[in-house]
């Protein structure tokens, strides 16, 4: 099998998780949390706070960093197992 490029996989997984985080935020703002809890047959108390740009950016950046590090770790393991 071909060796994976560590930068490409890291950036791809980072962007993927950042986009998922953004889509989750949009879904939360559209009221999909009620639908999600209904389809999974549970309920819990939660409060949606007013929009905070700094918190949103911090969350997206954190998702990107965690995704990138996960991709780098995956690539290291994958490449080492395919030698």
Protein backbone atom coordinates (compact mmCIF):
# COMPACT_ATOMS: atom_id res chain seq x y z
CA UNK A 1 0.00 0.00 0.00
CA UNK A 2 1.06 3.57 -0.59
CA UNK A 3 2.51 5.64 2.22
CA UNK A 4 0.22 8.43 3.47
CA UNK A 5 1.37 12.04 3.47
CA UNK A 6 1.35 13.21 7.08
CA UNK A 7 0.55 16.87 6.23
CA UNK A 8 -2.33 16.02 3.89
CA UNK A 9 -3.98 13.61 6.31
CA UNK A 10 -3.51 15.98 9.25
CA UNK A 11 -5.01 18.93 7.39
CA UNK A 12 -7.84 16.85 5.96
CA UNK A 13 -8.94 15.47 9.31
CA UNK A 14 -8.53 18.88 10.94
CA UNK A 15 -10.71 20.60 8.34
CA UNK A 16 -13.23 17.75 8.49
CA UNK A 17 -13.69 18.07 12.27
CA UNK A 18 -13.83 21.88 12.08
CA UNK A 19 -16.59 21.65 9.45
CA UNK A 20 -18.48 19.10 11.56
CA UNK A 21 -18.20 21.42 14.55
CA UNK A 22 -19.57 24.30 12.47
CA UNK A 23 -22.44 22.16 11.14
CA UNK A 24 -23.26 21.08 14.70
CA UNK A 25 -23.39 24.73 15.73
CA UNK A 26 -25.72 25.55 12.83
CA UNK A 27 -27.94 22.58 13.70
CA UNK A 28 -28.09 23.69 17.31
CA UNK A 29 -29.13 27.19 16.25
CA UNK A 30 -31.81 25.76 13.96
CA UNK A 31 -33.36 23.87 16.87
CA UNK A 32 -32.28 20.38 15.85
CA UNK A 33 -31.27 19.51 19.42
CA UNK A 34 -34.90 18.77 20.26
CA UNK A 35 -35.21 16.53 17.21
CA UNK A 36 -31.93 14.77 18.04
CA UNK A 37 -32.94 14.06 21.63
CA UNK A 38 -36.38 12.87 20.47
CA UNK A 39 -34.91 10.44 17.91
CA UNK A 40 -32.51 9.04 20.50
CA UNK A 41 -35.30 8.73 23.09
CA UNK A 42 -33.76 10.73 25.92
CA UNK A 43 -34.04 14.15 27.40
CA UNK A 44 -31.85 16.39 29.50
CA UNK A 45 -31.87 19.98 30.60
CA UNK A 46 -29.72 22.32 28.55
CA UNK A 47 -29.52 26.03 27.89
CA UNK A 48 -28.43 27.58 24.62
CA UNK A 49 -26.44 30.70 25.40
CA UNK A 50 -26.38 33.79 23.18
CA UNK A 51 -23.89 33.67 20.31
CA UNK A 52 -20.32 34.40 21.32
CA UNK A 53 -17.91 34.78 18.40
CA UNK A 54 -14.82 34.13 20.53
CA UNK A 55 -16.27 30.87 21.90
CA UNK A 56 -17.32 29.78 18.41
CA UNK A 57 -13.88 30.45 16.92
CA UNK A 58 -12.18 28.76 19.88
CA UNK A 59 -14.37 25.70 19.42
CA UNK A 60 -13.72 25.48 15.70
CA UNK A 61 -9.96 25.95 16.20
CA UNK A 62 -9.92 23.33 18.95
CA UNK A 63 -11.78 20.89 16.69
CA UNK A 64 -9.26 21.63 13.91
CA UNK A 65 -6.24 21.06 16.17
CA UNK A 66 -7.64 17.85 17.67
CA UNK A 67 -8.54 16.60 14.18
CA UNK A 68 -5.12 17.47 12.81
CA UNK A 69 -3.31 15.75 15.66
CA UNK A 70 -5.56 12.70 15.27
CA UNK A 71 -4.76 12.59 11.56
CA UNK A 72 -1.02 12.90 12.20
CA UNK A 73 -1.18 10.12 14.80
CA UNK A 74 -3.21 7.93 12.44
CA UNK A 75 -0.72 8.53 9.61
CA UNK A 76 2.27 7.67 11.81
CA UNK A 77 0.64 4.42 12.92
CA UNK A 78 -0.57 3.54 9.42
CA UNK A 79 2.79 4.19 7.78
CA UNK A 80 4.70 2.30 10.46
CA UNK A 81 2.41 -0.75 10.12
CA UNK A 82 2.80 -0.83 6.33
CA UNK A 83 6.59 -1.09 6.21
